[in-house]
Amino acid sequence: MSIVAEYNWPKFADEQTNYFSKYPEEYQDACWYGRPIIPRRIAEIKDDIWNINPGYWDEIHFDRFQEDMREEFDRWIGKEVHIQGSLLGWRGLDGKKKFILEDAQDIWRAITPEIDFTLEIKRGRGRQAYRARCCHHDSPTGELFKITLREKKDEN
């Protein structure tokens, strides 16, 4: 199962830190906020990404995540989304949700809490099946979701 969209700020920040420590000359080009810096040490890059300008880097990561969601799920707009969740919250509950997809972002909004989270969505078995894991404060090991997209049923 391949990952179709992932929002994981710590992983992204570490990947950026590692990349720019290998290619520090590219760091200035990546920094649009105009701070003239070509760091000489990995600690300077890490400090900038994690502490000085985390909002800037998080915005880049979140934009990429939303674009991945659009690329994968825009073709399903107007279809029914069926979500089965397990290990939900600190009590490990199960739940179901069904809605018509109006925007590709509706999927992650339906399964994430309004707190810091990490989310990984993978293709499941079949063309219309996905699996997701969402980790957050109340579920550090992750809530699990099966996501299925179907043709909308007529109500007649």
C-alpha atoms as a PDB file:
ATOM      1  CA  MET A   1       0.000   0.000   0.000  1.00  0.00           C
ATOM      2  CA  SER A   2       1.488   3.276  -1.064  1.00  0.00           C
ATOM      3  CA  ILE A   3       1.144   6.555   0.791  1.00  0.00           C
ATOM      4  CA  VAL A   4      -1.067   9.035  -1.077  1.00  0.00           C
ATOM      5  CA  ALA A   5      -0.977  11.864   1.467  1.00  0.00           C
ATOM      6  CA  GLU A   6       0.870  12.450   4.715  1.00  0.00           C
ATOM      7  CA  TYR A   7       0.867  15.245   7.255  1.00  0.00           C
ATOM      8  CA  ASN A   8       3.623  14.646   9.769  1.00  0.00           C
ATOM      9  CA  TRP A   9       5.362  17.843  10.871  1.00  0.00           C
ATOM     10  CA  PRO A  10       8.209  16.208  12.886  1.00  0.00           C
ATOM     11  CA  LYS A  11       9.076  13.854  10.014  1.00  0.00           C
ATOM     12  CA  PHE A  12       8.938  16.704   7.477  1.00  0.00           C
ATOM     13  CA  ALA A  13      11.105  18.969   9.653  1.00  0.00           C
ATOM     14  CA  ASP A  14      13.706  16.223  10.062  1.00  0.00           C
ATOM     15  CA  GLU A  15      13.702  15.507   6.313  1.00  0.00           C
ATOM     16  CA  GLN A  16      14.194  19.219   5.545  1.00  0.00           C
ATOM     17  CA  THR A  17      16.968  19.480   8.135  1.00  0.00           C
ATOM     18  CA  ASN A  18      18.776  16.466   6.684  1.00  0.00           C
ATOM     19  CA  TYR A  19      18.380  17.651   3.088  1.00  0.00           C
ATOM     20  CA  PHE A  20      19.614  21.183   3.727  1.00  0.00           C
ATOM     21  CA  SER A  21      22.513  19.965   5.840  1.00  0.00           C
ATOM     22  CA  LYS A  22      23.715  18.111   2.721  1.00  0.00           C
ATOM     23  CA  TYR A  23      22.960  21.048   0.387  1.00  0.00           C
ATOM     24  CA  PRO A  24      23.295  24.236   2.494  1.00  0.00           C
ATOM     25  CA  GLU A  25      23.658  26.423  -0.609  1.00  0.00           C
ATOM     26  CA  GLU A  26      20.043  25.585  -1.513  1.00  0.00           C
ATOM     27  CA  TYR A  27      18.766  26.673   1.868  1.00  0.00           C
ATOM     28  CA  GLN A  28      18.692  30.386   1.037  1.00  0.00           C
ATOM     29  CA  ASP A  29      16.639  29.706  -2.109  1.00  0.00           C
ATOM     30  CA  ALA A  30      14.116  27.763  -0.057  1.00  0.00           C
ATOM     31  CA  CYS A  31      13.740  30.553   2.510  1.00  0.00           C
ATOM     32  CA  TRP A  32      11.346  33.098   1.067  1.00  0.00           C
ATOM     33  CA  TYR A  33      11.196  35.151   4.225  1.00  0.00           C
ATOM     34  CA  GLY A  34      14.368  36.962   3.218  1.00  0.00           C
ATOM     35  CA  ARG A  35      16.551  36.098   6.171  1.00  0.00           C
ATOM     36  CA  PRO A  36      20.081  36.136   4.702  1.00  0.00           C
ATOM     37  CA  ILE A  37      21.488  32.910   6.035  1.00  0.00           C
ATOM     38  CA  ILE A  38      23.603  30.200   4.571  1.00  0.00           C
ATOM     39  CA  PRO A  39      24.085  28.052   7.635  1.00  0.00           C
ATOM     40  CA  ARG A  40      27.330  26.288   8.148  1.00  0.00           C
ATOM     41  CA  ARG A  41      26.147  23.715  10.645  1.00  0.00           C
ATOM     42  CA  ILE A  42      23.208  21.363  10.840  1.00  0.00           C
ATOM     43  CA  ALA A  43      22.367  22.885  14.234  1.00  0.00           C
ATOM     44  CA  GLU A  44      21.685  26.279  12.610  1.00  0.00           C
ATOM     45  CA  ILE A  45      19.364  24.706  10.024  1.00  0.00           C
ATOM     46  CA  LYS A  46      17.581  22.639  12.640  1.00  0.00           C
ATOM     47  CA  ASP A  47      17.153  25.673  14.889  1.00  0.00           C
ATOM     48  CA  ASP A  48      15.683  27.702  12.035  1.00  0.00           C
ATOM     49  CA  ILE A  49      13.223  24.991  10.964  1.00  0.00           C
ATOM     50  CA  TRP A  50      12.174  23.860  14.440  1.00  0.00           C
ATOM     51  CA  ASN A  51      12.418  27.045  16.523  1.00  0.00           C
ATOM     52  CA  ILE A  52      12.834  30.293  14.595  1.00  0.00           C
ATOM     53  CA  ASN A  53      10.443  29.826  11.667  1.00  0.00           C
ATOM     54  CA  PRO A  54       8.380  26.672  12.249  1.00  0.00           C
ATOM     55  CA  GLY A  55       5.209  28.349  10.960  1.00  0.00           C
ATOM     56  CA  TYR A  56       6.837  29.026   7.596  1.00  0.00           C
ATOM     57  CA  TRP A  57       7.984  25.425   7.179  1.00  0.00           C
ATOM     58  CA  ASP A  58       4.726  23.986   8.509  1.00  0.00           C
ATOM     59  CA  GLU A  59       2.800  26.070   5.964  1.00  0.00           C
ATOM     60  CA  ILE A  60       4.911  24.579   3.149  1.00  0.00           C
ATOM     61  CA  HIS A  61       4.308  21.070   4.501  1.00  0.00           C
ATOM     62  CA  PHE A  62       0.561  21.642   4.934  1.00  0.00           C
ATOM     63  CA  ASP A  63       0.267  23.073   1.393  1.00  0.00           C
ATOM     64  CA  ARG A  64       1.998  19.971  -0.001  1.00  0.00           C
ATOM     65  CA  PHE A  65      -0.310  17.720   2.024  1.00  0.00           C
ATOM     66  CA  GLN A  66      -3.407  19.520   0.710  1.00  0.00           C
ATOM     67  CA  GLU A  67      -2.118  19.279  -2.861  1.00  0.00           C
ATOM     68  CA  ASP A  68      -1.563  15.519  -2.418  1.00  0.00           C
ATOM     69  CA  MET A  69      -5.140  15.237  -1.143  1.00  0.00           C
ATOM     70  CA  ARG A  70      -6.452  17.109  -4.199  1.00  0.00           C
ATOM     71  CA  GLU A  71      -4.421  14.969  -6.590  1.00  0.00           C
ATOM     72  CA  GLU A  72      -5.778  11.762  -5.078  1.00  0.00           C
ATOM     73  CA  PHE A  73      -9.349  12.626  -4.132  1.00  0.00           C
ATOM     74  CA  ASP A  74     -10.617  15.310  -6.530  1.00  0.00           C
ATOM     75  CA  ARG A  75     -11.739  12.557  -8.902  1.00  0.00           C
ATOM     76  CA  TRP A  76     -14.089  11.276  -6.177  1.00  0.00           C
ATOM     77  CA  ILE A  77     -16.013  14.528  -5.668  1.00  0.00           C
ATOM     78  CA  GLY A  78     -19.731  13.795  -5.630  1.00  0.00           C
ATOM     79  CA  LYS A  79     -19.198  10.207  -4.441  1.00  0.00           C
ATOM     80  CA  GLU A  80     -20.163   8.727  -1.077  1.00  0.00           C
ATOM     81  CA  VAL A  81     -17.387   8.389   1.465  1.00  0.00           C
ATOM     82  CA  HIS A  82     -17.736   5.601   4.036  1.00  0.00           C
ATOM     83  CA  ILE A  83     -15.321   5.698   6.959  1.00  0.00           C
ATOM     84  CA  GLN A  84     -14.931   3.034   9.619  1.00  0.00           C
ATOM     85  CA  GLY A  85     -12.743   4.002  12.547  1.00  0.00           C
ATOM     86  CA  SER A  86     -11.238   1.943  15.332  1.00  0.00           C
ATOM     87  CA  LEU A  87      -9.155   2.735  18.399  1.00  0.00           C
ATOM     88  CA  LEU A  88     -10.717   6.197  18.461  1.00  0.00           C
ATOM     89  CA  GLY A  89      -9.635   8.576  21.198  1.00  0.00           C
ATOM     90  CA  TRP A  90      -8.291   7.650  24.600  1.00  0.00           C
ATOM     91  CA  ARG A  91     -11.101   5.134  25.106  1.00  0.00           C
ATOM     92  CA  GLY A  92     -10.324   3.176  21.931  1.00  0.00           C
ATOM     93  CA  LEU A  93     -13.858   3.353  20.565  1.00  0.00           C
ATOM     94  CA  ASP A  94     -15.153   2.320  17.133  1.00  0.00           C
ATOM     95  CA  GLY A  95     -17.235   4.500  14.860  1.00  0.00           C
ATOM     96  CA  LYS A  96     -18.622   5.047  11.375  1.00  0.00           C
ATOM     97  CA  LYS A  97     -19.214   8.107   9.264  1.00  0.00           C
ATOM     98  CA  LYS A  98     -20.760   8.586   5.834  1.00  0.00           C
ATOM     99  CA  PHE A  99     -20.944  11.744   3.712  1.00  0.00           C
ATOM    100  CA  ILE A 100     -20.854  13.018   0.140  1.00  0.00           C
ATOM    101  CA  LEU A 101     -17.414  14.280  -0.854  1.00  0.00           C
ATOM    102  CA  GLU A 102     -17.620  17.958  -1.802  1.00  0.00           C
ATOM    103  CA  ASP A 103     -13.935  18.811  -1.431  1.00  0.00           C
ATOM    104  CA  ALA A 104     -10.854  16.576  -1.282  1.00  0.00           C
ATOM    105  CA  GLN A 105      -9.986  18.123   2.096  1.00  0.00           C
ATOM    106  CA  ASP A 106     -13.263  16.818   3.601  1.00  0.00           C
ATOM    107  CA  ILE A 107     -11.675  13.411   4.147  1.00  0.00           C
ATOM    108  CA  TRP A 108      -8.886  14.520   6.467  1.00  0.00           C
ATOM    109  CA  ARG A 109     -11.208  16.977   8.208  1.00  0.00           C
ATOM    110  CA  ALA A 110     -13.616  14.096   8.930  1.00  0.00           C
ATOM    111  CA  ILE A 111     -11.001  11.969  10.696  1.00  0.00           C
ATOM    112  CA  THR A 112      -8.730  14.436  12.494  1.00  0.00           C
ATOM    113  CA  PRO A 113      -9.308  16.266  15.776  1.00  0.00           C
ATOM    114  CA  GLU A 114      -8.907  20.022  16.146  1.00  0.00           C
ATOM    115  CA  ILE A 115      -5.545  19.607  17.861  1.00  0.00           C
ATOM    116  CA  ASP A 116      -2.036  18.783  16.619  1.00  0.00           C
ATOM    117  CA  PHE A 117      -2.002  15.498  14.741  1.00  0.00           C
ATOM    118  CA  THR A 118      -0.090  13.394  12.260  1.00  0.00           C
ATOM    119  CA  LEU A 119      -1.942  11.649   9.455  1.00  0.00           C
ATOM    120  CA  GLU A 120      -0.958   9.073   6.887  1.00  0.00           C
ATOM    121  CA  ILE A 121      -3.354   7.944   4.150  1.00  0.00           C
ATOM    122  CA  LYS A 122      -2.475   4.906   2.049  1.00  0.00           C
ATOM    123  CA  ARG A 123      -4.153   3.155  -0.836  1.00  0.00           C
ATOM    124  CA  GLY A 124      -5.946   0.051   0.344  1.00  0.00           C
ATOM    125  CA  ARG A 125      -7.038  -3.006  -1.548  1.00  0.00           C
ATOM    126  CA  GLY A 126      -9.076  -2.012  -4.529  1.00  0.00           C
ATOM    127  CA  ARG A 127      -9.275   1.199  -6.511  1.00  0.00           C
ATOM    128  CA  GLN A 128     -11.749   2.859  -4.145  1.00  0.00           C
ATOM    129  CA  ALA A 129     -10.276   1.789  -0.807  1.00  0.00           C
ATOM    130  CA  TYR A 130      -7.884   3.615   1.490  1.00  0.00           C
ATOM    131  CA  ARG A 131      -6.475   3.176   4.973  1.00  0.00           C
ATOM    132  CA  ALA A 132      -5.433   5.940   7.315  1.00  0.00           C
ATOM    133  CA  ARG A 133      -3.720   6.348  10.676  1.00  0.00           C
ATOM    134  CA  CYS A 134      -4.144   9.509  12.720  1.00  0.00           C
ATOM    135  CA  CYS A 135      -2.008  10.052  15.820  1.00  0.00           C
ATOM    136  CA  HIS A 136      -2.604  12.804  18.368  1.00  0.00           C
ATOM    137  CA  HIS A 137      -2.619  13.602  22.081  1.00  0.00           C
ATOM    138  CA  ASP A 138      -5.517  11.249  22.927  1.00  0.00           C
ATOM    139  CA  SER A 139      -4.313   8.463  20.637  1.00  0.00           C
ATOM    140  CA  PRO A 140      -0.512   8.520  20.401  1.00  0.00           C
ATOM    141  CA  THR A 141      -0.341   5.059  18.800  1.00  0.00           C
ATOM    142  CA  GLY A 142      -2.951   6.025  16.245  1.00  0.00           C
ATOM    143  CA  GLU A 143      -6.579   5.804  15.324  1.00  0.00           C
ATOM    144  CA  LEU A 144      -7.166   3.498  12.356  1.00  0.00           C
ATOM    145  CA  PHE A 145      -9.549   4.201   9.494  1.00  0.00           C
ATOM    146  CA  LYS A 146     -10.866   2.293   6.499  1.00  0.00           C
ATOM    147  CA  ILE A 147     -12.064   4.698   3.841  1.00  0.00           C
ATOM    148  CA  THR A 148     -14.209   3.520   0.937  1.00  0.00           C
ATOM    149  CA  LEU A 149     -15.565   5.655  -1.872  1.00  0.00           C
ATOM    150  CA  ARG A 150     -18.749   4.588  -3.684  1.00  0.00           C
ATOM    151  CA  GLU A 151     -21.271   5.855  -6.150  1.00  0.00           C
ATOM    152  CA  LYS A 152     -23.932   7.924  -4.452  1.00  0.00           C
ATOM    153  CA  LYS A 153     -27.109   5.927  -3.845  1.00  0.00           C
ATOM    154  CA  ASP A 154     -30.330   7.381  -5.228  1.00  0.00           C
ATOM    155  CA  GLU A 155     -32.856   8.119  -2.536  1.00  0.00           C
ATOM    156  CA  ASN A 156     -35.823   7.204  -4.756  1.00  0.00           C
END
